[in-house]
Each structure stands twice: as C-alpha cells, then as structure tokens.
Amino acid sequence: MLEHFFQCPYCFEEISMLLDPSVRKQTYIEDCEVCCNPIELTPEFEAGELVYFDAQSIEQ
C-alpha cells in the first residue's frame, strides 16, 4: 500500500489515503476523513509507481 497526500475538493484540508499499487488503473469513492464528503479517486500506477492521481467532488 502507498500513502498519498492530497487536498480534499470540498473542505480543502490536506488528507491522506492508502492506495493499492497492485491495480494499474482504478476509480473508486472514499469519504474525506475531515468533512466526510464522498471523493472520487482515480490513481494510476506503472511499475508500482504512482504516475497519475485525481480527486474530484461528486455532483449531488
């Protein structure tokens, strides 16, 4: 697992999440640990290294 720090698209606090580098490209939803809003995460890995990361708010 790889810990990645980024800014929440809702509350703008810096948070961290554990990412699984064994899956090359994935999209999933996790709640912000500060404001509890859902964030769509899209990490992409090559050879176990994070090469792309996006965190977007979810339209409600």
PDB file of N, CA and C in Angstrom:
ATOM      1  N   MET A   1       0.845  -1.191   0.000  1.00  0.00           N
ATOM      2  CA  MET A   1       0.000   0.000   0.000  1.00  0.00           C
ATOM      3  C   MET A   1       0.883   1.245   0.000  1.00  0.00           C
ATOM      4  N   LEU A   2       0.381   2.278  -0.611  1.00  0.00           N
ATOM      5  CA  LEU A   2       1.113   3.533  -0.748  1.00  0.00           C
ATOM      6  C   LEU A   2       0.268   4.662  -0.160  1.00  0.00           C
ATOM      7  N   GLU A   3       0.819   5.413   0.797  1.00  0.00           N
ATOM      8  CA  GLU A   3       0.096   6.548   1.360  1.00  0.00           C
ATOM      9  C   GLU A   3       0.297   7.756   0.453  1.00  0.00           C
ATOM     10  N   HIS A   4      -0.822   8.398   0.088  1.00  0.00           N
ATOM     11  CA  HIS A   4      -0.768   9.563  -0.806  1.00  0.00           C
ATOM     12  C   HIS A   4      -1.508  10.719  -0.145  1.00  0.00           C
ATOM     13  N   PHE A   5      -0.885  11.887  -0.106  1.00  0.00           N
ATOM     14  CA  PHE A   5      -1.475  13.095   0.472  1.00  0.00           C
ATOM     15  C   PHE A   5      -2.023  13.974  -0.643  1.00  0.00           C
ATOM     16  N   PHE A   6      -3.203  14.552  -0.413  1.00  0.00           N
ATOM     17  CA  PHE A   6      -3.814  15.437  -1.401  1.00  0.00           C
ATOM     18  C   PHE A   6      -4.819  16.342  -0.695  1.00  0.00           C
ATOM     19  N   GLN A   7      -5.347  17.313  -1.428  1.00  0.00           N
ATOM     20  CA  GLN A   7      -6.293  18.277  -0.869  1.00  0.00           C
ATOM     21  C   GLN A   7      -7.721  17.837  -1.176  1.00  0.00           C
ATOM     22  N   CYS A   8      -8.568  17.825  -0.147  1.00  0.00           N
ATOM     23  CA  CYS A   8      -9.977  17.481  -0.325  1.00  0.00           C
ATOM     24  C   CYS A   8     -10.634  18.526  -1.229  1.00  0.00           C
ATOM     25  N   PRO A   9     -11.407  18.097  -2.247  1.00  0.00           N
ATOM     26  CA  PRO A   9     -12.070  19.057  -3.138  1.00  0.00           C
ATOM     27  C   PRO A   9     -13.250  19.789  -2.492  1.00  0.00           C
ATOM     28  N   TYR A  10     -13.642  19.389  -1.295  1.00  0.00           N
ATOM     29  CA  TYR A  10     -14.746  20.046  -0.581  1.00  0.00           C
ATOM     30  C   TYR A  10     -14.232  21.028   0.477  1.00  0.00           C
ATOM     31  N   CYS A  11     -13.465  20.514   1.440  1.00  0.00           N
ATOM     32  CA  CYS A  11     -13.050  21.340   2.586  1.00  0.00           C
ATOM     33  C   CYS A  11     -11.632  21.893   2.428  1.00  0.00           C
ATOM     34  N   PHE A  12     -10.901  21.428   1.412  1.00  0.00           N
ATOM     35  CA  PHE A  12      -9.555  21.897   1.069  1.00  0.00           C
ATOM     36  C   PHE A  12      -8.493  21.565   2.127  1.00  0.00           C
ATOM     37  N   GLU A  13      -8.835  20.668   3.062  1.00  0.00           N
ATOM     38  CA  GLU A  13      -7.847  20.198   4.034  1.00  0.00           C
ATOM     39  C   GLU A  13      -6.954  19.162   3.364  1.00  0.00           C
ATOM     40  N   GLU A  14      -5.702  19.091   3.806  1.00  0.00           N
ATOM     41  CA  GLU A  14      -4.818  18.047   3.301  1.00  0.00           C
ATOM     42  C   GLU A  14      -5.155  16.749   4.019  1.00  0.00           C
ATOM     43  N   ILE A  15      -5.439  15.717   3.241  1.00  0.00           N
ATOM     44  CA  ILE A  15      -5.748  14.410   3.800  1.00  0.00           C
ATOM     45  C   ILE A  15      -4.863  13.369   3.127  1.00  0.00           C
ATOM     46  N   SER A  16      -4.868  12.172   3.654  1.00  0.00           N
ATOM     47  CA  SER A  16      -4.103  11.094   3.032  1.00  0.00           C
ATOM     48  C   SER A  16      -4.978   9.854   2.937  1.00  0.00           C
ATOM     49  N   MET A  17      -4.688   9.049   1.929  1.00  0.00           N
ATOM     50  CA  MET A  17      -5.381   7.777   1.752  1.00  0.00           C
ATOM     51  C   MET A  17      -4.361   6.747   1.310  1.00  0.00           C
ATOM     52  N   LEU A  18      -4.655   5.492   1.630  1.00  0.00           N
ATOM     53  CA  LEU A  18      -3.805   4.394   1.202  1.00  0.00           C
ATOM     54  C   LEU A  18      -4.269   3.916  -0.162  1.00  0.00           C
ATOM     55  N   LEU A  19      -3.332   3.843  -1.103  1.00  0.00           N
ATOM     56  CA  LEU A  19      -3.621   3.407  -2.468  1.00  0.00           C
ATOM     57  C   LEU A  19      -2.974   2.056  -2.711  1.00  0.00           C
ATOM     58  N   ASP A  20      -3.611   1.243  -3.525  1.00  0.00           N
ATOM     59  CA  ASP A  20      -3.118  -0.101  -3.829  1.00  0.00           C
ATOM     60  C   ASP A  20      -2.406  -0.101  -5.187  1.00  0.00           C
ATOM     61  N   PRO A  21      -1.071  -0.145  -5.197  1.00  0.00           N
ATOM     62  CA  PRO A  21      -0.338  -0.103  -6.470  1.00  0.00           C
ATOM     63  C   PRO A  21      -0.388  -1.409  -7.270  1.00  0.00           C
ATOM     64  N   SER A  22      -1.015  -2.464  -6.726  1.00  0.00           N
ATOM     65  CA  SER A  22      -1.091  -3.726  -7.465  1.00  0.00           C
ATOM     66  C   SER A  22      -2.143  -3.683  -8.582  1.00  0.00           C
ATOM     67  N   VAL A  23      -3.019  -2.666  -8.553  1.00  0.00           N
ATOM     68  CA  VAL A  23      -4.014  -2.469  -9.611  1.00  0.00           C
ATOM     69  C   VAL A  23      -3.584  -1.249 -10.416  1.00  0.00           C
ATOM     70  N   ARG A  24      -3.292  -1.444 -11.717  1.00  0.00           N
ATOM     71  CA  ARG A  24      -2.696  -0.378 -12.532  1.00  0.00           C
ATOM     72  C   ARG A  24      -3.551   0.879 -12.601  1.00  0.00           C
ATOM     73  N   LYS A  25      -4.840   0.758 -12.923  1.00  0.00           N
ATOM     74  CA  LYS A  25      -5.718   1.930 -13.011  1.00  0.00           C
ATOM     75  C   LYS A  25      -7.027   1.585 -12.322  1.00  0.00           C
ATOM     76  N   GLN A  26      -7.489   2.497 -11.488  1.00  0.00           N
ATOM     77  CA  GLN A  26      -8.716   2.247 -10.744  1.00  0.00           C
ATOM     78  C   GLN A  26      -9.453   3.550 -10.483  1.00  0.00           C
ATOM     79  N   THR A  27     -10.749   3.458 -10.245  1.00  0.00           N
ATOM     80  CA  THR A  27     -11.573   4.593  -9.846  1.00  0.00           C
ATOM     81  C   THR A  27     -12.502   4.093  -8.753  1.00  0.00           C
ATOM     82  N   TYR A  28     -12.523   4.804  -7.639  1.00  0.00           N
ATOM     83  CA  TYR A  28     -13.396   4.414  -6.539  1.00  0.00           C
ATOM     84  C   TYR A  28     -13.730   5.631  -5.693  1.00  0.00           C
ATOM     85  N   ILE A  29     -14.631   5.446  -4.744  1.00  0.00           N
ATOM     86  CA  ILE A  29     -15.106   6.546  -3.901  1.00  0.00           C
ATOM     87  C   ILE A  29     -14.733   6.285  -2.448  1.00  0.00           C
ATOM     88  N   GLU A  30     -14.158   7.311  -1.824  1.00  0.00           N
ATOM     89  CA  GLU A  30     -13.829   7.285  -0.394  1.00  0.00           C
ATOM     90  C   GLU A  30     -14.336   8.582   0.216  1.00  0.00           C
ATOM     91  N   ASP A  31     -14.709   8.527   1.480  1.00  0.00           N
ATOM     92  CA  ASP A  31     -15.133   9.740   2.185  1.00  0.00           C
ATOM     93  C   ASP A  31     -13.933  10.481   2.749  1.00  0.00           C
ATOM     94  N   CYS A  32     -13.993  11.802   2.723  1.00  0.00           N
ATOM     95  CA  CYS A  32     -12.952  12.633   3.330  1.00  0.00           C
ATOM     96  C   CYS A  32     -12.935  12.373   4.830  1.00  0.00           C
ATOM     97  N   GLU A  33     -11.749  12.210   5.400  1.00  0.00           N
ATOM     98  CA  GLU A  33     -11.640  11.944   6.835  1.00  0.00           C
ATOM     99  C   GLU A  33     -11.912  13.184   7.679  1.00  0.00           C
ATOM    100  N   VAL A  34     -11.984  14.359   7.054  1.00  0.00           N
ATOM    101  CA  VAL A  34     -12.258  15.606   7.792  1.00  0.00           C
ATOM    102  C   VAL A  34     -13.732  15.997   7.681  1.00  0.00           C
ATOM    103  N   CYS A  35     -14.246  16.146   6.446  1.00  0.00           N
ATOM    104  CA  CYS A  35     -15.617  16.640   6.253  1.00  0.00           C
ATOM    105  C   CYS A  35     -16.624  15.545   5.895  1.00  0.00           C
ATOM    106  N   CYS A  36     -16.145  14.324   5.652  1.00  0.00           N
ATOM    107  CA  CYS A  36     -16.988  13.141   5.372  1.00  0.00           C
ATOM    108  C   CYS A  36     -17.716  13.170   4.029  1.00  0.00           C
ATOM    109  N   ASN A  37     -17.387  14.107   3.148  1.00  0.00           N
ATOM    110  CA  ASN A  37     -17.986  14.122   1.816  1.00  0.00           C
ATOM    111  C   ASN A  37     -17.335  13.070   0.925  1.00  0.00           C
ATOM    112  N   PRO A  38     -18.080  12.510  -0.038  1.00  0.00           N
ATOM    113  CA  PRO A  38     -17.527  11.480  -0.922  1.00  0.00           C
ATOM    114  C   PRO A  38     -16.610  12.083  -1.991  1.00  0.00           C
ATOM    115  N   ILE A  39     -15.462  11.449  -2.190  1.00  0.00           N
ATOM    116  CA  ILE A  39     -14.474  11.904  -3.177  1.00  0.00           C
ATOM    117  C   ILE A  39     -14.239  10.766  -4.167  1.00  0.00           C
ATOM    118  N   GLU A  40     -14.317  11.086  -5.459  1.00  0.00           N
ATOM    119  CA  GLU A  40     -13.995  10.097  -6.482  1.00  0.00           C
ATOM    120  C   GLU A  40     -12.486  10.138  -6.722  1.00  0.00           C
ATOM    121  N   LEU A  41     -11.827   9.030  -6.452  1.00  0.00           N
ATOM    122  CA  LEU A  41     -10.371   8.937  -6.592  1.00  0.00           C
ATOM    123  C   LEU A  41     -10.024   8.130  -7.831  1.00  0.00           C
ATOM    124  N   THR A  42      -9.046   8.614  -8.590  1.00  0.00           N
ATOM    125  CA  THR A  42      -8.566   7.896  -9.767  1.00  0.00           C
ATOM    126  C   THR A  42      -7.041   7.882  -9.752  1.00  0.00           C
ATOM    127  N   PRO A  43      -6.452   6.839  -9.162  1.00  0.00           N
ATOM    128  CA  PRO A  43      -4.999   6.690  -9.231  1.00  0.00           C
ATOM    129  C   PRO A  43      -4.610   5.757 -10.387  1.00  0.00           C
ATOM    130  N   GLU A  44      -3.419   5.995 -10.939  1.00  0.00           N
ATOM    131  CA  GLU A  44      -2.882   5.131 -11.988  1.00  0.00           C
ATOM    132  C   GLU A  44      -1.415   4.862 -11.674  1.00  0.00           C
ATOM    133  N   PHE A  45      -1.029   3.599 -11.808  1.00  0.00           N
ATOM    134  CA  PHE A  45       0.332   3.179 -11.467  1.00  0.00           C
ATOM    135  C   PHE A  45       1.027   2.549 -12.668  1.00  0.00           C
ATOM    136  N   GLU A  46       2.330   2.711 -12.716  1.00  0.00           N
ATOM    137  CA  GLU A  46       3.187   1.999 -13.673  1.00  0.00           C
ATOM    138  C   GLU A  46       4.373   1.471 -12.895  1.00  0.00           C
ATOM    139  N   ALA A  47       4.596   0.175 -12.976  1.00  0.00           N
ATOM    140  CA  ALA A  47       5.691  -0.491 -12.259  1.00  0.00           C
ATOM    141  C   ALA A  47       5.662  -0.168 -10.760  1.00  0.00           C
ATOM    142  N   GLY A  48       4.452  -0.107 -10.197  1.00  0.00           N
ATOM    143  CA  GLY A  48       4.306   0.152  -8.774  1.00  0.00           C
ATOM    144  C   GLY A  48       4.460   1.597  -8.346  1.00  0.00           C
ATOM    145  N   GLU A  49       4.697   2.500  -9.308  1.00  0.00           N
ATOM    146  CA  GLU A  49       4.864   3.927  -9.009  1.00  0.00           C
ATOM    147  C   GLU A  49       3.614   4.690  -9.423  1.00  0.00           C
ATOM    148  N   LEU A  50       3.184   5.634  -8.601  1.00  0.00           N
ATOM    149  CA  LEU A  50       2.029   6.469  -8.911  1.00  0.00           C
ATOM    150  C   LEU A  50       2.412   7.451 -10.018  1.00  0.00           C
ATOM    151  N   VAL A  51       1.716   7.366 -11.174  1.00  0.00           N
ATOM    152  CA  VAL A  51       2.018   8.252 -12.302  1.00  0.00           C
ATOM    153  C   VAL A  51       0.898   9.247 -12.569  1.00  0.00           C
ATOM    154  N   TYR A  52      -0.287   9.001 -11.991  1.00  0.00           N
ATOM    155  CA  TYR A  52      -1.418   9.905 -12.179  1.00  0.00           C
ATOM    156  C   TYR A  52      -2.327   9.781 -10.968  1.00  0.00           C
ATOM    157  N   PHE A  53      -2.878  10.920 -10.509  1.00  0.00           N
ATOM    158  CA  PHE A  53      -3.829  10.900  -9.413  1.00  0.00           C
ATOM    159  C   PHE A  53      -4.807  12.050  -9.591  1.00  0.00           C
ATOM    160  N   ASP A  54      -6.097  11.744  -9.404  1.00  0.00           N
ATOM    161  CA  ASP A  54      -7.137  12.774  -9.488  1.00  0.00           C
ATOM    162  C   ASP A  54      -8.135  12.539  -8.368  1.00  0.00           C
ATOM    163  N   ALA A  55      -8.542  13.615  -7.711  1.00  0.00           N
ATOM    164  CA  ALA A  55      -9.564  13.560  -6.654  1.00  0.00           C
ATOM    165  C   ALA A  55     -10.623  14.594  -6.981  1.00  0.00           C
ATOM    166  N   GLN A  56     -11.842  14.140  -7.252  1.00  0.00           N
ATOM    167  CA  GLN A  56     -12.918  15.022  -7.672  1.00  0.00           C
ATOM    168  C   GLN A  56     -14.098  14.931  -6.716  1.00  0.00           C
ATOM    169  N   SER A  57     -14.799  16.055  -6.559  1.00  0.00           N
ATOM    170  CA  SER A  57     -16.054  16.043  -5.807  1.00  0.00           C
ATOM    171  C   SER A  57     -17.102  15.310  -6.647  1.00  0.00           C
ATOM    172  N   ILE A  58     -18.097  14.800  -5.980  1.00  0.00           N
ATOM    173  CA  ILE A  58     -19.169  14.076  -6.659  1.00  0.00           C
ATOM    174  C   ILE A  58     -20.389  14.975  -6.700  1.00  0.00           C
ATOM    175  N   GLU A  59     -20.915  15.188  -7.899  1.00  0.00           N
ATOM    176  CA  GLU A  59     -22.100  16.043  -8.070  1.00  0.00           C
ATOM    177  C   GLU A  59     -23.292  15.375  -7.393  1.00  0.00           C
ATOM    178  N   GLN A  60     -23.996  16.138  -6.571  1.00  0.00           N
ATOM    179  CA  GLN A  60     -25.164  15.565  -5.877  1.00  0.00           C
ATOM    180  C   GLN A  60     -26.415  16.275  -6.280  1.00  0.00           C
TER     181      GLN A  60
END
